Amino acid sequence: MGERKPKRADARRNEKALLDAAAAVFVASGVDAPVRDIAAKAGVGMGTIYRHFPTRADLIIAVFRHQVDACMEAGPALLASNESPYQALVQWVDLYVDFMATKHGLAGVLQSGNAGFGSLHAYFLDRLVPVCAELLDAAAAAGELRAEVRPLELMRGVGNLCVGADSDPQYDARRLVGILVAGLKCETMEA
């Protein structure tokens, strides 16, 4: 067999729209949501979904990777577009909270023993810990953030604050994460 040809730009856009729609449906209705709901949200036929992702597991893995990649790409872009590295970190953590909401919805499936799910945790760590480190380092170098904050600690702390947010409408994880991130500021910034 020959090498796979790269996807055309329109095919990549369609796949991105499909994965964004699947993630939104998974957050709203869980990973067992009907494929027809995902197809409707994406504006495609069910055959299109099955052509790209023959099984639900394939779709779940693709959604997870897609969201990790989007979160990874956002870090450097936010640093480049913000004067304050701390504000870039705050915006990135907001995106990370959105990702965690989806990830918690996928957690049961990700731990189901399917061989394809095994490498996803490493994929997540390999891509997001360095981005978080870059944001933390830039904010610390700018004197905006305490230097002792470690990326994996922050990511776990944010992730832990997101647990339960999907099952308790009175629990506001985003508010608590905001308090956590505000507490990372250097005292000189607070004045």
N, C-alpha and C. Protein backbone atom coordinates (compact mmCIF):
# COMPACT_ATOMS: atom_id res chain seq x y z
N MET A 1 0.83 -1.19 0.00
CA MET A 1 0.00 0.00 0.00
C MET A 1 0.86 1.24 0.00
N GLY A 2 0.40 2.25 -0.70
CA GLY A 2 1.14 3.51 -0.75
C GLY A 2 0.84 4.36 0.46
N GLU A 3 1.52 5.49 0.51
CA GLU A 3 1.29 6.42 1.62
C GLU A 3 -0.07 7.07 1.48
N ARG A 4 -0.65 7.40 2.62
CA ARG A 4 -1.93 8.13 2.60
C ARG A 4 -1.69 9.54 2.11
N LYS A 5 -2.55 9.99 1.24
CA LYS A 5 -2.44 11.36 0.76
C LYS A 5 -2.96 12.31 1.84
N PRO A 6 -2.32 13.46 1.97
CA PRO A 6 -2.82 14.43 2.94
C PRO A 6 -4.24 14.85 2.55
N LYS A 7 -5.04 15.15 3.56
CA LYS A 7 -6.41 15.58 3.30
C LYS A 7 -6.43 16.97 2.70
N ARG A 8 -7.40 17.19 1.82
CA ARG A 8 -7.58 18.52 1.24
C ARG A 8 -8.01 19.48 2.35
N ALA A 9 -7.82 20.75 2.11
CA ALA A 9 -8.16 21.77 3.11
C ALA A 9 -9.64 21.72 3.47
N ASP A 10 -10.52 21.54 2.47
CA ASP A 10 -11.95 21.49 2.78
C ASP A 10 -12.30 20.24 3.57
N ALA A 11 -11.62 19.13 3.31
CA ALA A 11 -11.86 17.90 4.07
C ALA A 11 -11.41 18.08 5.52
N ARG A 12 -10.29 18.78 5.72
CA ARG A 12 -9.81 19.06 7.09
C ARG A 12 -10.79 19.96 7.83
N ARG A 13 -11.31 20.98 7.13
CA ARG A 13 -12.30 21.88 7.75
C ARG A 13 -13.57 21.11 8.13
N ASN A 14 -14.02 20.24 7.22
CA ASN A 14 -15.22 19.44 7.50
C ASN A 14 -15.00 18.52 8.69
N GLU A 15 -13.84 17.90 8.76
CA GLU A 15 -13.53 17.01 9.88
C GLU A 15 -13.46 17.80 11.17
N LYS A 16 -12.86 19.00 11.13
CA LYS A 16 -12.80 19.85 12.33
C LYS A 16 -14.20 20.22 12.78
N ALA A 17 -15.07 20.61 11.85
CA ALA A 17 -16.45 20.97 12.21
C ALA A 17 -17.17 19.77 12.80
N LEU A 18 -16.93 18.60 12.26
CA LEU A 18 -17.55 17.39 12.76
C LEU A 18 -17.07 17.08 14.18
N LEU A 19 -15.77 17.22 14.42
CA LEU A 19 -15.21 16.96 15.75
C LEU A 19 -15.67 18.00 16.77
N ASP A 20 -15.77 19.26 16.35
CA ASP A 20 -16.30 20.30 17.24
C ASP A 20 -17.74 19.99 17.62
N ALA A 21 -18.53 19.57 16.62
CA ALA A 21 -19.94 19.23 16.88
C ALA A 21 -20.04 18.03 17.81
N ALA A 22 -19.21 17.01 17.57
CA ALA A 22 -19.24 15.82 18.42
C ALA A 22 -18.87 16.18 19.85
N ALA A 23 -17.86 17.02 20.03
CA ALA A 23 -17.46 17.43 21.38
C ALA A 23 -18.61 18.15 22.08
N ALA A 24 -19.28 19.05 21.37
CA ALA A 24 -20.40 19.81 21.96
C ALA A 24 -21.54 18.86 22.35
N VAL A 25 -21.84 17.90 21.50
CA VAL A 25 -22.91 16.94 21.80
C VAL A 25 -22.50 16.06 22.97
N PHE A 26 -21.23 15.63 23.00
CA PHE A 26 -20.76 14.80 24.12
C PHE A 26 -20.88 15.55 25.44
N VAL A 27 -20.55 16.84 25.45
CA VAL A 27 -20.65 17.63 26.68
C VAL A 27 -22.11 17.75 27.10
N ALA A 28 -22.98 18.03 26.14
CA ALA A 28 -24.39 18.26 26.46
C ALA A 28 -25.14 16.97 26.80
N SER A 29 -24.83 15.88 26.08
CA SER A 29 -25.66 14.67 26.20
C SER A 29 -24.90 13.41 26.56
N GLY A 30 -23.59 13.50 26.72
CA GLY A 30 -22.81 12.32 27.04
C GLY A 30 -22.31 11.60 25.79
N VAL A 31 -21.35 10.71 25.99
CA VAL A 31 -20.73 10.04 24.85
C VAL A 31 -21.63 8.99 24.21
N ASP A 32 -22.74 8.68 24.83
CA ASP A 32 -23.68 7.73 24.25
C ASP A 32 -24.74 8.44 23.42
N ALA A 33 -24.59 9.72 23.20
CA ALA A 33 -25.56 10.47 22.40
C ALA A 33 -25.68 9.84 21.02
N PRO A 34 -26.86 9.87 20.45
CA PRO A 34 -27.05 9.29 19.12
C PRO A 34 -26.18 9.99 18.07
N VAL A 35 -25.66 9.20 17.15
CA VAL A 35 -24.85 9.74 16.06
C VAL A 35 -25.66 10.74 15.24
N ARG A 36 -26.96 10.53 15.13
CA ARG A 36 -27.79 11.47 14.36
C ARG A 36 -27.75 12.87 14.98
N ASP A 37 -27.61 12.96 16.32
CA ASP A 37 -27.50 14.27 16.97
C ASP A 37 -26.20 14.96 16.58
N ILE A 38 -25.14 14.19 16.50
CA ILE A 38 -23.84 14.75 16.10
C ILE A 38 -23.90 15.19 14.64
N ALA A 39 -24.49 14.35 13.79
CA ALA A 39 -24.62 14.67 12.37
C ALA A 39 -25.43 15.95 12.18
N ALA A 40 -26.54 16.08 12.92
CA ALA A 40 -27.38 17.27 12.81
C ALA A 40 -26.61 18.51 13.25
N LYS A 41 -25.90 18.41 14.36
CA LYS A 41 -25.13 19.56 14.86
C LYS A 41 -24.03 19.96 13.87
N ALA A 42 -23.42 18.97 13.22
CA ALA A 42 -22.34 19.23 12.26
C ALA A 42 -22.87 19.61 10.88
N GLY A 43 -24.16 19.37 10.65
CA GLY A 43 -24.73 19.66 9.34
C GLY A 43 -24.29 18.69 8.26
N VAL A 44 -24.06 17.44 8.66
CA VAL A 44 -23.65 16.40 7.70
C VAL A 44 -24.56 15.19 7.87
N GLY A 45 -24.47 14.28 6.93
CA GLY A 45 -25.22 13.04 7.04
C GLY A 45 -24.49 12.05 7.94
N MET A 46 -25.24 11.08 8.44
CA MET A 46 -24.64 10.07 9.32
C MET A 46 -23.57 9.27 8.58
N GLY A 47 -23.76 9.08 7.28
CA GLY A 47 -22.77 8.35 6.48
C GLY A 47 -21.41 9.03 6.50
N THR A 48 -21.43 10.37 6.53
CA THR A 48 -20.17 11.12 6.58
C THR A 48 -19.42 10.81 7.87
N ILE A 49 -20.15 10.76 8.97
CA ILE A 49 -19.51 10.46 10.25
C ILE A 49 -18.92 9.05 10.21
N TYR A 50 -19.70 8.08 9.75
CA TYR A 50 -19.22 6.70 9.72
C TYR A 50 -18.07 6.51 8.73
N ARG A 51 -18.04 7.32 7.68
CA ARG A 51 -16.93 7.24 6.72
C ARG A 51 -15.63 7.69 7.38
N HIS A 52 -15.72 8.74 8.18
CA HIS A 52 -14.52 9.25 8.88
C HIS A 52 -14.19 8.40 10.11
N PHE A 53 -15.23 7.96 10.83
CA PHE A 53 -15.05 7.28 12.11
C PHE A 53 -15.96 6.05 12.15
N PRO A 54 -15.44 4.91 11.73
CA PRO A 54 -16.28 3.71 11.61
C PRO A 54 -16.92 3.25 12.93
N THR A 55 -16.28 3.55 14.07
CA THR A 55 -16.84 3.14 15.35
C THR A 55 -16.95 4.35 16.28
N ARG A 56 -17.78 4.23 17.29
CA ARG A 56 -17.90 5.29 18.30
C ARG A 56 -16.55 5.52 18.98
N ALA A 57 -15.81 4.45 19.24
CA ALA A 57 -14.48 4.59 19.86
C ALA A 57 -13.57 5.43 18.99
N ASP A 58 -13.61 5.22 17.67
CA ASP A 58 -12.79 6.03 16.76
C ASP A 58 -13.15 7.51 16.88
N LEU A 59 -14.44 7.79 16.97
CA LEU A 59 -14.90 9.17 17.10
C LEU A 59 -14.47 9.78 18.43
N ILE A 60 -14.61 9.04 19.49
CA ILE A 60 -14.24 9.53 20.82
C ILE A 60 -12.74 9.84 20.88
N ILE A 61 -11.93 8.94 20.35
CA ILE A 61 -10.48 9.15 20.32
C ILE A 61 -10.15 10.39 19.50
N ALA A 62 -10.80 10.53 18.35
CA ALA A 62 -10.53 11.69 17.49
C ALA A 62 -10.95 12.99 18.17
N VAL A 63 -12.09 12.99 18.87
CA VAL A 63 -12.54 14.20 19.59
C VAL A 63 -11.52 14.56 20.67
N PHE A 64 -11.08 13.58 21.42
CA PHE A 64 -10.10 13.83 22.48
C PHE A 64 -8.83 14.44 21.90
N ARG A 65 -8.28 13.81 20.87
CA ARG A 65 -7.04 14.31 20.25
C ARG A 65 -7.24 15.71 19.66
N HIS A 66 -8.36 15.93 19.04
CA HIS A 66 -8.68 17.22 18.43
C HIS A 66 -8.69 18.32 19.50
N GLN A 67 -9.31 18.02 20.63
CA GLN A 67 -9.38 19.02 21.69
C GLN A 67 -8.02 19.26 22.35
N VAL A 68 -7.25 18.21 22.50
CA VAL A 68 -5.89 18.38 23.04
C VAL A 68 -5.08 19.26 22.09
N ASP A 69 -5.16 18.96 20.80
CA ASP A 69 -4.40 19.74 19.82
C ASP A 69 -4.81 21.20 19.80
N ALA A 70 -6.12 21.47 19.90
CA ALA A 70 -6.60 22.85 19.91
C ALA A 70 -6.09 23.59 21.14
N CYS A 71 -6.10 22.93 22.27
CA CYS A 71 -5.61 23.53 23.52
C CYS A 71 -4.10 23.77 23.43
N MET A 72 -3.39 22.83 22.82
CA MET A 72 -1.94 22.95 22.66
C MET A 72 -1.61 24.14 21.74
N GLU A 73 -2.31 24.26 20.64
CA GLU A 73 -2.04 25.34 19.68
C GLU A 73 -2.41 26.71 20.23
N ALA A 74 -3.38 26.74 21.13
CA ALA A 74 -3.84 28.02 21.68
C ALA A 74 -2.79 28.69 22.55
N GLY A 75 -1.98 27.92 23.27
CA GLY A 75 -1.00 28.51 24.19
C GLY A 75 -0.06 29.50 23.53
N PRO A 76 0.71 29.07 22.53
CA PRO A 76 1.61 30.02 21.87
C PRO A 76 0.88 31.18 21.19
N ALA A 77 -0.30 30.92 20.64
CA ALA A 77 -1.07 31.98 19.99
C ALA A 77 -1.51 33.02 21.01
N LEU A 78 -1.93 32.57 22.18
CA LEU A 78 -2.34 33.52 23.24
C LEU A 78 -1.15 34.32 23.75
N LEU A 79 0.00 33.68 23.88
CA LEU A 79 1.20 34.42 24.31
C LEU A 79 1.55 35.51 23.29
N ALA A 80 1.44 35.17 22.01
CA ALA A 80 1.78 36.12 20.96
C ALA A 80 0.80 37.28 20.87
N SER A 81 -0.47 37.04 21.24
CA SER A 81 -1.49 38.07 21.05
C SER A 81 -1.82 38.87 22.31
N ASN A 82 -1.17 38.56 23.42
CA ASN A 82 -1.42 39.28 24.68
C ASN A 82 -0.16 40.01 25.13
N GLU A 83 -0.33 41.23 25.61
CA GLU A 83 0.81 41.94 26.17
C GLU A 83 1.23 41.33 27.49
N SER A 84 0.27 40.76 28.21
CA SER A 84 0.54 40.18 29.51
C SER A 84 0.56 38.65 29.41
N PRO A 85 1.70 38.03 29.72
CA PRO A 85 1.74 36.57 29.75
C PRO A 85 0.75 35.99 30.76
N TYR A 86 0.51 36.70 31.86
CA TYR A 86 -0.46 36.23 32.84
C TYR A 86 -1.85 36.18 32.22
N GLN A 87 -2.23 37.20 31.46
CA GLN A 87 -3.55 37.19 30.80
C GLN A 87 -3.63 36.07 29.77
N ALA A 88 -2.53 35.78 29.08
CA ALA A 88 -2.50 34.64 28.16
C ALA A 88 -2.75 33.35 28.93
N LEU A 89 -2.13 33.22 30.10
CA LEU A 89 -2.34 32.04 30.95
C LEU A 89 -3.80 31.93 31.38
N VAL A 90 -4.38 33.05 31.81
CA VAL A 90 -5.78 33.05 32.24
C VAL A 90 -6.69 32.58 31.10
N GLN A 91 -6.46 33.09 29.91
CA GLN A 91 -7.28 32.70 28.76
C GLN A 91 -7.06 31.23 28.41
N TRP A 92 -5.82 30.76 28.50
CA TRP A 92 -5.53 29.36 28.20
C TRP A 92 -6.19 28.44 29.23
N VAL A 93 -6.13 28.83 30.50
CA VAL A 93 -6.77 28.02 31.54
C VAL A 93 -8.27 27.94 31.29
N ASP A 94 -8.86 29.01 30.80
CA ASP A 94 -10.28 28.99 30.44
C ASP A 94 -10.56 27.93 29.37
N LEU A 95 -9.71 27.89 28.36
CA LEU A 95 -9.84 26.86 27.31
C LEU A 95 -9.63 25.47 27.89
N TYR A 96 -8.69 25.36 28.79
CA TYR A 96 -8.40 24.08 29.44
C TYR A 96 -9.60 23.60 30.26
N VAL A 97 -10.29 24.53 30.92
CA VAL A 97 -11.50 24.18 31.67
C VAL A 97 -12.55 23.62 30.71
N ASP A 98 -12.72 24.26 29.56
CA ASP A 98 -13.66 23.74 28.56
C ASP A 98 -13.27 22.33 28.14
N PHE A 99 -11.98 22.11 27.91
CA PHE A 99 -11.50 20.79 27.54
C PHE A 99 -11.77 19.79 28.66
N MET A 100 -11.52 20.20 29.89
CA MET A 100 -11.73 19.28 31.01
C MET A 100 -13.19 18.88 31.14
N ALA A 101 -14.09 19.78 30.82
CA ALA A 101 -15.52 19.45 30.87
C ALA A 101 -15.82 18.31 29.90
N THR A 102 -15.25 18.37 28.71
CA THR A 102 -15.43 17.30 27.73
C THR A 102 -14.70 16.05 28.19
N LYS A 103 -13.48 16.21 28.70
CA LYS A 103 -12.69 15.05 29.11
C LYS A 103 -13.40 14.27 30.21
N HIS A 104 -14.00 14.98 31.16
CA HIS A 104 -14.71 14.26 32.22
C HIS A 104 -15.90 13.50 31.65
N GLY A 105 -16.53 14.05 30.63
CA GLY A 105 -17.61 13.33 29.98
C GLY A 105 -17.12 12.07 29.29
N LEU A 106 -15.88 12.09 28.86
CA LEU A 106 -15.32 10.94 28.16
C LEU A 106 -14.61 9.97 29.10
N ALA A 107 -14.43 10.36 30.35
CA ALA A 107 -13.59 9.59 31.28
C ALA A 107 -13.99 8.14 31.40
N GLY A 108 -15.28 7.86 31.56
CA GLY A 108 -15.72 6.48 31.71
C GLY A 108 -15.38 5.64 30.50
N VAL A 109 -15.55 6.22 29.33
CA VAL A 109 -15.25 5.50 28.10
C VAL A 109 -13.75 5.33 27.95
N LEU A 110 -13.00 6.36 28.31
CA LEU A 110 -11.54 6.30 28.16
C LEU A 110 -10.93 5.22 29.05
N GLN A 111 -11.61 4.86 30.12
CA GLN A 111 -11.09 3.84 31.04
C GLN A 111 -11.73 2.48 30.79
N SER A 112 -12.39 2.32 29.65
CA SER A 112 -13.15 1.10 29.39
C SER A 112 -12.30 -0.08 28.96
N GLY A 113 -11.02 0.10 28.78
CA GLY A 113 -10.17 -1.01 28.39
C GLY A 113 -9.93 -1.11 26.90
N ASN A 114 -10.56 -0.26 26.10
CA ASN A 114 -10.34 -0.27 24.66
C ASN A 114 -8.88 0.09 24.41
N ALA A 115 -8.21 -0.72 23.60
CA ALA A 115 -6.77 -0.55 23.36
C ALA A 115 -6.45 0.83 22.80
N GLY A 116 -7.33 1.42 22.01
CA GLY A 116 -7.07 2.72 21.43
C GLY A 116 -7.05 3.85 22.44
N PHE A 117 -7.65 3.63 23.61
CA PHE A 117 -7.72 4.67 24.62
C PHE A 117 -6.46 4.75 25.47
N GLY A 118 -5.68 3.69 25.49
CA GLY A 118 -4.53 3.60 26.39
C GLY A 118 -3.51 4.70 26.21
N SER A 119 -3.26 5.10 24.99
CA SER A 119 -2.20 6.09 24.74
C SER A 119 -2.69 7.53 24.87
N LEU A 120 -3.98 7.73 25.11
CA LEU A 120 -4.50 9.10 25.13
C LEU A 120 -4.00 9.92 26.31
N HIS A 121 -3.82 9.30 27.46
CA HIS A 121 -3.32 10.07 28.61
C HIS A 121 -1.91 10.59 28.33
N ALA A 122 -1.07 9.75 27.76
CA ALA A 122 0.29 10.18 27.41
C ALA A 122 0.24 11.28 26.35
N TYR A 123 -0.66 11.15 25.38
CA TYR A 123 -0.84 12.16 24.33
C TYR A 123 -1.19 13.51 24.97
N PHE A 124 -2.12 13.46 25.91
CA PHE A 124 -2.57 14.63 26.65
C PHE A 124 -1.39 15.29 27.39
N LEU A 125 -0.65 14.52 28.16
CA LEU A 125 0.47 15.06 28.93
C LEU A 125 1.59 15.57 28.03
N ASP A 126 1.94 14.81 27.00
CA ASP A 126 3.03 15.18 26.10
C ASP A 126 2.78 16.51 25.41
N ARG A 127 1.54 16.83 25.14
CA ARG A 127 1.23 18.04 24.41
C ARG A 127 0.88 19.23 25.30
N LEU A 128 0.20 18.98 26.41
CA LEU A 128 -0.29 20.11 27.20
C LEU A 128 0.63 20.55 28.33
N VAL A 129 1.38 19.66 28.92
CA VAL A 129 2.29 20.08 30.00
C VAL A 129 3.32 21.09 29.48
N PRO A 130 3.96 20.85 28.32
CA PRO A 130 4.92 21.86 27.83
C PRO A 130 4.28 23.22 27.53
N VAL A 131 3.05 23.22 27.04
CA VAL A 131 2.37 24.49 26.76
C VAL A 131 2.09 25.23 28.06
N CYS A 132 1.59 24.51 29.05
CA CYS A 132 1.35 25.13 30.35
C CYS A 132 2.66 25.65 30.94
N ALA A 133 3.73 24.90 30.81
CA ALA A 133 5.04 25.33 31.31
C ALA A 133 5.50 26.60 30.62
N GLU A 134 5.30 26.68 29.31
CA GLU A 134 5.69 27.88 28.56
C GLU A 134 4.92 29.11 29.05
N LEU A 135 3.64 28.94 29.28
CA LEU A 135 2.82 30.05 29.77
C LEU A 135 3.23 30.47 31.19
N LEU A 136 3.43 29.48 32.05
CA LEU A 136 3.85 29.78 33.42
C LEU A 136 5.22 30.46 33.45
N ASP A 137 6.16 29.94 32.65
CA ASP A 137 7.51 30.52 32.60
C ASP A 137 7.47 31.96 32.10
N ALA A 138 6.68 32.22 31.09
CA ALA A 138 6.59 33.58 30.54
C ALA A 138 5.99 34.54 31.57
N ALA A 139 4.94 34.10 32.26
CA ALA A 139 4.32 34.96 33.27
C ALA A 139 5.27 35.18 34.45
N ALA A 140 6.01 34.16 34.85
CA ALA A 140 6.98 34.30 35.95
C ALA A 140 8.12 35.24 35.53
N ALA A 141 8.61 35.08 34.29
CA ALA A 141 9.70 35.93 33.80
C ALA A 141 9.27 37.39 33.72
N ALA A 142 7.98 37.62 33.48
CA ALA A 142 7.46 38.99 33.41
C ALA A 142 7.16 39.55 34.80
N GLY A 143 7.37 38.74 35.84
CA GLY A 143 7.12 39.18 37.20
C GLY A 143 5.64 39.20 37.55
N GLU A 144 4.83 38.50 36.78
CA GLU A 144 3.39 38.51 37.01
C GLU A 144 2.89 37.32 37.82
N LEU A 145 3.74 36.33 38.00
CA LEU A 145 3.29 35.07 38.58
C LEU A 145 4.37 34.52 39.49
N ARG A 146 3.94 33.85 40.53
CA ARG A 146 4.89 33.17 41.41
C ARG A 146 5.66 32.11 40.61
N ALA A 147 6.95 32.09 40.79
CA ALA A 147 7.80 31.20 40.01
C ALA A 147 7.69 29.74 40.43
N GLU A 148 7.18 29.46 41.61
CA GLU A 148 7.18 28.09 42.10
C GLU A 148 6.04 27.22 41.55
N VAL A 149 5.15 27.79 40.76
CA VAL A 149 4.03 27.03 40.22
C VAL A 149 4.53 26.08 39.14
N ARG A 150 4.19 24.81 39.29
CA ARG A 150 4.61 23.79 38.32
C ARG A 150 3.44 23.43 37.42
N PRO A 151 3.70 23.20 36.14
CA PRO A 151 2.61 23.01 35.18
C PRO A 151 1.68 21.83 35.51
N LEU A 152 2.23 20.69 35.83
CA LEU A 152 1.36 19.54 36.08
C LEU A 152 0.52 19.76 37.33
N GLU A 153 1.07 20.43 38.33
CA GLU A 153 0.29 20.75 39.54
C GLU A 153 -0.90 21.65 39.19
N LEU A 154 -0.65 22.68 38.39
CA LEU A 154 -1.73 23.59 38.01
C LEU A 154 -2.78 22.83 37.20
N MET A 155 -2.34 22.03 36.25
CA MET A 155 -3.29 21.29 35.40
C MET A 155 -4.12 20.31 36.23
N ARG A 156 -3.48 19.63 37.17
CA ARG A 156 -4.23 18.71 38.03
C ARG A 156 -5.19 19.47 38.95
N GLY A 157 -4.73 20.59 39.47
CA GLY A 157 -5.59 21.39 40.33
C GLY A 157 -6.83 21.88 39.59
N VAL A 158 -6.63 22.38 38.39
CA VAL A 158 -7.75 22.84 37.58
C VAL A 158 -8.66 21.64 37.26
N GLY A 159 -8.05 20.53 36.87
CA GLY A 159 -8.84 19.34 36.55
C GLY A 159 -9.66 18.87 37.74
N ASN A 160 -9.07 18.89 38.92
CA ASN A 160 -9.80 18.47 40.12
C ASN A 160 -10.95 19.42 40.44
N LEU A 161 -10.76 20.71 40.19
CA LEU A 161 -11.84 21.66 40.43
C LEU A 161 -12.99 21.47 39.42
N CYS A 162 -12.70 20.86 38.29
CA CYS A 162 -13.73 20.63 37.27
C CYS A 162 -14.55 19.37 37.53
N VAL A 163 -14.06 18.49 38.41
CA VAL A 163 -14.79 17.26 38.70
C VAL A 163 -16.14 17.60 39.33
N GLY A 164 -17.18 17.02 38.81
CA GLY A 164 -18.51 17.23 39.35
C GLY A 164 -19.27 18.37 38.72
N ALA A 165 -18.59 19.21 37.94
CA ALA A 165 -19.26 20.36 37.34
C ALA A 165 -20.37 19.93 36.38
N ASP A 166 -20.20 18.77 35.75
CA ASP A 166 -21.19 18.31 34.79
C ASP A 166 -22.43 17.72 35.45
N SER A 167 -22.34 17.37 36.72
CA SER A 167 -23.47 16.71 37.39
C SER A 167 -24.16 17.59 38.44
N ASP A 168 -23.62 18.76 38.72
CA ASP A 168 -24.21 19.65 39.72
C ASP A 168 -24.34 21.06 39.15
N PRO A 169 -25.54 21.45 38.75
CA PRO A 169 -25.72 22.77 38.14
C PRO A 169 -25.41 23.94 39.08
N GLN A 170 -25.35 23.69 40.38
CA GLN A 170 -25.04 24.76 41.32
C GLN A 170 -23.54 24.92 41.55
N TYR A 171 -22.75 23.99 41.02
CA TYR A 171 -21.30 24.05 41.19
C TYR A 171 -20.69 24.79 40.01
N ASP A 172 -19.96 25.86 40.28
CA ASP A 172 -19.36 26.69 39.24
C ASP A 172 -17.84 26.49 39.24
N ALA A 173 -17.40 25.50 38.50
CA ALA A 173 -15.97 25.19 38.45
C ALA A 173 -15.18 26.37 37.89
N ARG A 174 -15.72 27.03 36.88
CA ARG A 174 -14.99 28.14 36.26
C ARG A 174 -14.71 29.25 37.28
N ARG A 175 -15.64 29.54 38.16
CA ARG A 175 -15.44 30.56 39.19
C ARG A 175 -14.31 30.16 40.14
N LEU A 176 -14.32 28.89 40.57
CA LEU A 176 -13.28 28.42 41.48
C LEU A 176 -11.91 28.38 40.81
N VAL A 177 -11.88 27.99 39.54
CA VAL A 177 -10.62 28.00 38.80
C VAL A 177 -10.11 29.44 38.68
N GLY A 178 -11.01 30.38 38.47
CA GLY A 178 -10.61 31.79 38.41
C GLY A 178 -9.97 32.25 39.72
N ILE A 179 -10.53 31.81 40.83
CA ILE A 179 -9.95 32.15 42.14
C ILE A 179 -8.56 31.53 42.28
N LEU A 180 -8.43 30.26 41.86
CA LEU A 180 -7.13 29.60 41.92
C LEU A 180 -6.09 30.35 41.11
N VAL A 181 -6.42 30.69 39.88
CA VAL A 181 -5.45 31.36 38.99
C VAL A 181 -5.14 32.76 39.49
N ALA A 182 -6.13 33.45 40.04
CA ALA A 182 -5.88 34.78 40.61
C ALA A 182 -4.91 34.68 41.79
N GLY A 183 -4.98 33.59 42.52
CA GLY A 183 -4.08 33.38 43.66
C GLY A 183 -2.64 33.12 43.26
N LEU A 184 -2.39 32.89 41.98
CA LEU A 184 -1.03 32.65 41.51
C LEU A 184 -0.27 33.93 41.20
N LYS A 185 -0.99 35.05 41.16
CA LYS A 185 -0.35 36.33 40.84
C LYS A 185 0.67 36.70 41.88
N CYS A 186 1.69 37.38 41.44
CA CYS A 186 2.65 37.97 42.37
C CYS A 186 1.94 39.06 43.15
N GLU A 187 2.31 39.22 44.37
CA GLU A 187 1.66 40.22 45.23
C GLU A 187 1.81 41.63 44.69
N THR A 188 2.87 41.91 43.98
CA THR A 188 3.06 43.26 43.44
C THR A 188 2.05 43.58 42.37
N MET A 189 1.51 42.55 41.69
CA MET A 189 0.50 42.78 40.64
C MET A 189 -0.84 43.13 41.24
N GLU A 190 -1.12 42.68 42.44
CA GLU A 190 -2.45 42.83 43.04
C GLU A 190 -2.70 44.27 43.49
N ALA A 191 -1.68 45.03 43.68
CA ALA A 191 -1.84 46.41 44.17
C ALA A 191 -2.40 47.33 43.13
